[in-house]
């Protein structure tokens, strides 16, 4: 999942759910886990669709 978030274009929740085969609440929990590991996750809402992007820890 981190690979999806690290892409320049990021990923929507729907894209992550489809790629991982998880439910939305599980996908959001995984993003929380990435935050705890030091990833910085940002999001933007464009045309009503939220897109998430991450920066890996150093």
PDB file of N, CA and C in Angstrom:
ATOM      1  N   UNK A   1       0.821  -1.182   0.000  1.00  0.00           N
ATOM      2  CA  UNK A   1       0.000   0.000   0.000  1.00  0.00           C
ATOM      3  C   UNK A   1       0.870   1.252   0.000  1.00  0.00           C
ATOM      4  N   UNK A   2       1.998   1.195   0.688  1.00  0.00           N
ATOM      5  CA  UNK A   2       2.880   2.363   0.729  1.00  0.00           C
ATOM      6  C   UNK A   2       3.299   2.774  -0.677  1.00  0.00           C
ATOM      7  N   UNK A   3       3.510   1.802  -1.552  1.00  0.00           N
ATOM      8  CA  UNK A   3       3.930   2.109  -2.923  1.00  0.00           C
ATOM      9  C   UNK A   3       2.880   2.949  -3.642  1.00  0.00           C
ATOM     10  N   UNK A   4       1.615   2.679  -3.397  1.00  0.00           N
ATOM     11  CA  UNK A   4       0.551   3.473  -4.018  1.00  0.00           C
ATOM     12  C   UNK A   4       0.594   4.920  -3.522  1.00  0.00           C
ATOM     13  N   UNK A   5       0.808   5.072  -2.233  1.00  0.00           N
ATOM     14  CA  UNK A   5       0.821   6.413  -1.647  1.00  0.00           C
ATOM     15  C   UNK A   5       2.073   7.199  -2.011  1.00  0.00           C
ATOM     16  N   UNK A   6       3.155   6.496  -2.290  1.00  0.00           N
ATOM     17  CA  UNK A   6       4.413   7.168  -2.618  1.00  0.00           C
ATOM     18  C   UNK A   6       4.476   7.623  -4.069  1.00  0.00           C
ATOM     19  N   UNK A   7       3.548   7.178  -4.905  1.00  0.00           N
ATOM     20  CA  UNK A   7       3.529   7.629  -6.294  1.00  0.00           C
ATOM     21  C   UNK A   7       3.283   9.135  -6.346  1.00  0.00           C
ATOM     22  N   UNK A   8       3.757   9.775  -7.394  1.00  0.00           N
ATOM     23  CA  UNK A   8       3.564  11.227  -7.550  1.00  0.00           C
ATOM     24  C   UNK A   8       2.082  11.598  -7.497  1.00  0.00           C
ATOM     25  N   UNK A   9       1.244  10.794  -8.154  1.00  0.00           N
ATOM     26  CA  UNK A   9      -0.194  11.106  -8.190  1.00  0.00           C
ATOM     27  C   UNK A   9      -0.927  10.619  -6.952  1.00  0.00           C
ATOM     28  N   UNK A  10      -0.250   9.842  -6.085  1.00  0.00           N
ATOM     29  CA  UNK A  10      -0.893   9.333  -4.885  1.00  0.00           C
ATOM     30  C   UNK A  10      -1.939   8.290  -5.224  1.00  0.00           C
ATOM     31  N   UNK A  11      -2.922   8.128  -4.345  1.00  0.00           N
ATOM     32  CA  UNK A  11      -3.973   7.142  -4.566  1.00  0.00           C
ATOM     33  C   UNK A  11      -5.234   7.551  -3.825  1.00  0.00           C
ATOM     34  N   UNK A  12      -6.360   7.212  -4.400  1.00  0.00           N
ATOM     35  CA  UNK A  12      -7.631   7.436  -3.729  1.00  0.00           C
ATOM     36  C   UNK A  12      -7.913   6.241  -2.824  1.00  0.00           C
ATOM     37  N   UNK A  13      -8.837   6.399  -1.915  1.00  0.00           N
ATOM     38  CA  UNK A  13      -9.227   5.292  -1.044  1.00  0.00           C
ATOM     39  C   UNK A  13      -9.737   4.129  -1.890  1.00  0.00           C
ATOM     40  N   UNK A  14     -10.514   4.437  -2.906  1.00  0.00           N
ATOM     41  CA  UNK A  14     -11.055   3.396  -3.781  1.00  0.00           C
ATOM     42  C   UNK A  14      -9.934   2.612  -4.481  1.00  0.00           C
ATOM     43  N   UNK A  15      -8.921   3.317  -4.957  1.00  0.00           N
ATOM     44  CA  UNK A  15      -7.795   2.646  -5.619  1.00  0.00           C
ATOM     45  C   UNK A  15      -7.070   1.718  -4.648  1.00  0.00           C
ATOM     46  N   UNK A  16      -6.878   2.182  -3.418  1.00  0.00           N
ATOM     47  CA  UNK A  16      -6.192   1.355  -2.421  1.00  0.00           C
ATOM     48  C   UNK A  16      -7.026   0.138  -2.043  1.00  0.00           C
ATOM     49  N   UNK A  17      -8.339   0.331  -1.899  1.00  0.00           N
ATOM     50  CA  UNK A  17      -9.232  -0.785  -1.565  1.00  0.00           C
ATOM     51  C   UNK A  17      -9.179  -1.841  -2.665  1.00  0.00           C
ATOM     52  N   UNK A  18      -9.248  -1.417  -3.913  1.00  0.00           N
ATOM     53  CA  UNK A  18      -9.194  -2.364  -5.030  1.00  0.00           C
ATOM     54  C   UNK A  18      -7.847  -3.076  -5.113  1.00  0.00           C
ATOM     55  N   UNK A  19      -6.771  -2.343  -4.905  1.00  0.00           N
ATOM     56  CA  UNK A  19      -5.436  -2.933  -5.014  1.00  0.00           C
ATOM     57  C   UNK A  19      -5.151  -3.922  -3.885  1.00  0.00           C
ATOM     58  N   UNK A  20      -5.611  -3.614  -2.690  1.00  0.00           N
ATOM     59  CA  UNK A  20      -5.291  -4.440  -1.538  1.00  0.00           C
ATOM     60  C   UNK A  20      -6.345  -5.513  -1.270  1.00  0.00           C
ATOM     61  N   UNK A  21      -7.560  -5.297  -1.759  1.00  0.00           N
ATOM     62  CA  UNK A  21      -8.631  -6.249  -1.481  1.00  0.00           C
ATOM     63  C   UNK A  21      -9.182  -6.120  -0.068  1.00  0.00           C
ATOM     64  N   UNK A  22      -8.960  -4.962   0.533  1.00  0.00           N
ATOM     65  CA  UNK A  22      -9.411  -4.717   1.896  1.00  0.00           C
ATOM     66  C   UNK A  22     -10.670  -3.862   1.886  1.00  0.00           C
ATOM     67  N   UNK A  23     -11.313  -3.783   3.038  1.00  0.00           N
ATOM     68  CA  UNK A  23     -12.446  -2.870   3.211  1.00  0.00           C
ATOM     69  C   UNK A  23     -11.900  -1.471   3.512  1.00  0.00           C
ATOM     70  N   UNK A  24     -12.721  -0.439   3.270  1.00  0.00           N
ATOM     71  CA  UNK A  24     -12.236   0.932   3.497  1.00  0.00           C
ATOM     72  C   UNK A  24     -11.711   1.184   4.907  1.00  0.00           C
ATOM     73  N   UNK A  25     -12.390   0.673   5.938  1.00  0.00           N
ATOM     74  CA  UNK A  25     -11.925   0.942   7.302  1.00  0.00           C
ATOM     75  C   UNK A  25     -10.584   0.265   7.583  1.00  0.00           C
ATOM     76  N   UNK A  26     -10.337  -0.879   6.974  1.00  0.00           N
ATOM     77  CA  UNK A  26      -9.056  -1.556   7.133  1.00  0.00           C
ATOM     78  C   UNK A  26      -7.961  -0.778   6.414  1.00  0.00           C
ATOM     79  N   UNK A  27      -8.288  -0.232   5.264  1.00  0.00           N
ATOM     80  CA  UNK A  27      -7.331   0.553   4.494  1.00  0.00           C
ATOM     81  C   UNK A  27      -6.943   1.815   5.250  1.00  0.00           C
ATOM     82  N   UNK A  28      -7.925   2.474   5.861  1.00  0.00           N
ATOM     83  CA  UNK A  28      -7.622   3.671   6.652  1.00  0.00           C
ATOM     84  C   UNK A  28      -6.751   3.316   7.857  1.00  0.00           C
ATOM     85  N   UNK A  29      -7.033   2.176   8.494  1.00  0.00           N
ATOM     86  CA  UNK A  29      -6.227   1.735   9.637  1.00  0.00           C
ATOM     87  C   UNK A  29      -4.784   1.476   9.197  1.00  0.00           C
ATOM     88  N   UNK A  30      -4.604   0.927   8.001  1.00  0.00           N
ATOM     89  CA  UNK A  30      -3.252   0.687   7.484  1.00  0.00           C
ATOM     90  C   UNK A  30      -2.518   2.010   7.278  1.00  0.00           C
ATOM     91  N   UNK A  31      -3.227   3.043   6.845  1.00  0.00           N
ATOM     92  CA  UNK A  31      -2.595   4.359   6.699  1.00  0.00           C
ATOM     93  C   UNK A  31      -2.156   4.883   8.063  1.00  0.00           C
ATOM     94  N   UNK A  32      -2.948   4.639   9.092  1.00  0.00           N
ATOM     95  CA  UNK A  32      -2.568   5.028  10.449  1.00  0.00           C
ATOM     96  C   UNK A  32      -1.299   4.300  10.857  1.00  0.00           C
ATOM     97  N   UNK A  33      -1.196   3.025  10.500  1.00  0.00           N
ATOM     98  CA  UNK A  33       0.008   2.259  10.793  1.00  0.00           C
ATOM     99  C   UNK A  33       1.228   2.830  10.099  1.00  0.00           C
ATOM    100  N   UNK A  34       1.042   3.284   8.865  1.00  0.00           N
ATOM    101  CA  UNK A  34       2.157   3.908   8.145  1.00  0.00           C
ATOM    102  C   UNK A  34       2.587   5.201   8.833  1.00  0.00           C
ATOM    103  N   UNK A  35       1.614   5.971   9.331  1.00  0.00           N
ATOM    104  CA  UNK A  35       1.941   7.204  10.051  1.00  0.00           C
ATOM    105  C   UNK A  35       2.782   6.884  11.285  1.00  0.00           C
ATOM    106  N   UNK A  36       2.409   5.825  11.993  1.00  0.00           N
ATOM    107  CA  UNK A  36       3.148   5.425  13.198  1.00  0.00           C
ATOM    108  C   UNK A  36       4.562   4.982  12.854  1.00  0.00           C
ATOM    109  N   UNK A  37       4.777   4.523  11.621  1.00  0.00           N
ATOM    110  CA  UNK A  37       6.108   4.116  11.177  1.00  0.00           C
ATOM    111  C   UNK A  37       6.927   5.298  10.660  1.00  0.00           C
ATOM    112  N   UNK A  38       6.347   6.500  10.664  1.00  0.00           N
ATOM    113  CA  UNK A  38       7.083   7.698  10.284  1.00  0.00           C
ATOM    114  C   UNK A  38       6.737   8.287   8.930  1.00  0.00           C
ATOM    115  N   UNK A  39       5.824   7.664   8.196  1.00  0.00           N
ATOM    116  CA  UNK A  39       5.406   8.234   6.918  1.00  0.00           C
ATOM    117  C   UNK A  39       4.582   9.488   7.177  1.00  0.00           C
ATOM    118  N   UNK A  40       4.754  10.484   6.339  1.00  0.00           N
ATOM    119  CA  UNK A  40       3.931  11.684   6.406  1.00  0.00           C
ATOM    120  C   UNK A  40       2.884  11.541   5.307  1.00  0.00           C
ATOM    121  N   UNK A  41       1.623  11.512   5.701  1.00  0.00           N
ATOM    122  CA  UNK A  41       0.542  11.316   4.738  1.00  0.00           C
ATOM    123  C   UNK A  41      -0.276  12.596   4.664  1.00  0.00           C
ATOM    124  N   UNK A  42      -0.463  13.057   3.437  1.00  0.00           N
ATOM    125  CA  UNK A  42      -1.214  14.271   3.169  1.00  0.00           C
ATOM    126  C   UNK A  42      -2.349  13.913   2.224  1.00  0.00           C
ATOM    127  N   UNK A  43      -3.383  14.734   2.211  1.00  0.00           N
ATOM    128  CA  UNK A  43      -4.478  14.466   1.280  1.00  0.00           C
ATOM    129  C   UNK A  43      -5.009  15.770   0.708  1.00  0.00           C
ATOM    130  N   UNK A  44      -5.550  15.657  -0.484  1.00  0.00           N
ATOM    131  CA  UNK A  44      -6.200  16.774  -1.168  1.00  0.00           C
ATOM    132  C   UNK A  44      -7.535  16.286  -1.685  1.00  0.00           C
ATOM    133  N   UNK A  45      -8.511  17.171  -1.695  1.00  0.00           N
ATOM    134  CA  UNK A  45      -9.814  16.826  -2.238  1.00  0.00           C
ATOM    135  C   UNK A  45     -10.021  17.643  -3.506  1.00  0.00           C
ATOM    136  N   UNK A  46     -10.061  16.949  -4.636  1.00  0.00           N
ATOM    137  CA  UNK A  46     -10.215  17.603  -5.928  1.00  0.00           C
ATOM    138  C   UNK A  46     -11.461  17.033  -6.596  1.00  0.00           C
ATOM    139  N   UNK A  47     -12.377  17.910  -6.972  1.00  0.00           N
ATOM    140  CA  UNK A  47     -13.638  17.506  -7.600  1.00  0.00           C
ATOM    141  C   UNK A  47     -14.372  16.454  -6.776  1.00  0.00           C
ATOM    142  N   UNK A  48     -14.322  16.594  -5.457  1.00  0.00           N
ATOM    143  CA  UNK A  48     -15.049  15.689  -4.570  1.00  0.00           C
ATOM    144  C   UNK A  48     -14.370  14.361  -4.305  1.00  0.00           C
ATOM    145  N   UNK A  49     -13.155  14.168  -4.830  1.00  0.00           N
ATOM    146  CA  UNK A  49     -12.436  12.912  -4.638  1.00  0.00           C
ATOM    147  C   UNK A  49     -11.166  13.192  -3.841  1.00  0.00           C
ATOM    148  N   UNK A  50     -11.024  12.514  -2.699  1.00  0.00           N
ATOM    149  CA  UNK A  50      -9.847  12.702  -1.861  1.00  0.00           C
ATOM    150  C   UNK A  50      -8.716  11.802  -2.351  1.00  0.00           C
ATOM    151  N   UNK A  51      -7.546  12.398  -2.508  1.00  0.00           N
ATOM    152  CA  UNK A  51      -6.355  11.674  -2.943  1.00  0.00           C
ATOM    153  C   UNK A  51      -5.311  11.781  -1.843  1.00  0.00           C
ATOM    154  N   UNK A  52      -4.726  10.646  -1.484  1.00  0.00           N
ATOM    155  CA  UNK A  52      -3.724  10.578  -0.422  1.00  0.00           C
ATOM    156  C   UNK A  52      -2.342  10.419  -1.043  1.00  0.00           C
ATOM    157  N   UNK A  53      -1.349  11.089  -0.429  1.00  0.00           N
ATOM    158  CA  UNK A  53       0.049  10.976  -0.845  1.00  0.00           C
ATOM    159  C   UNK A  53       0.895  10.818   0.406  1.00  0.00           C
ATOM    160  N   UNK A  54       2.023  10.135   0.258  1.00  0.00           N
ATOM    161  CA  UNK A  54       2.899   9.929   1.422  1.00  0.00           C
ATOM    162  C   UNK A  54       4.332  10.265   1.074  1.00  0.00           C
ATOM    163  N   UNK A  55       5.067  10.605   2.117  1.00  0.00           N
ATOM    164  CA  UNK A  55       6.511  10.799   2.031  1.00  0.00           C
ATOM    165  C   UNK A  55       7.109   9.790   3.017  1.00  0.00           C
ATOM    166  N   UNK A  56       8.038   8.976   2.517  1.00  0.00           N
ATOM    167  CA  UNK A  56       8.651   7.938   3.339  1.00  0.00           C
ATOM    168  C   UNK A  56       9.565   8.561   4.406  1.00  0.00           C
ATOM    169  N   UNK A  57       9.686   7.885   5.541  1.00  0.00           N
ATOM    170  CA  UNK A  57      10.607   8.390   6.561  1.00  0.00           C
ATOM    171  C   UNK A  57      12.043   8.277   6.097  1.00  0.00           C
ATOM    172  N   UNK A  58      12.880   9.128   6.629  1.00  0.00           N
ATOM    173  CA  UNK A  58      14.304   9.114   6.235  1.00  0.00           C
ATOM    174  C   UNK A  58      15.081   8.119   7.049  1.00  0.00           C
TER     175      UNK A  58
END
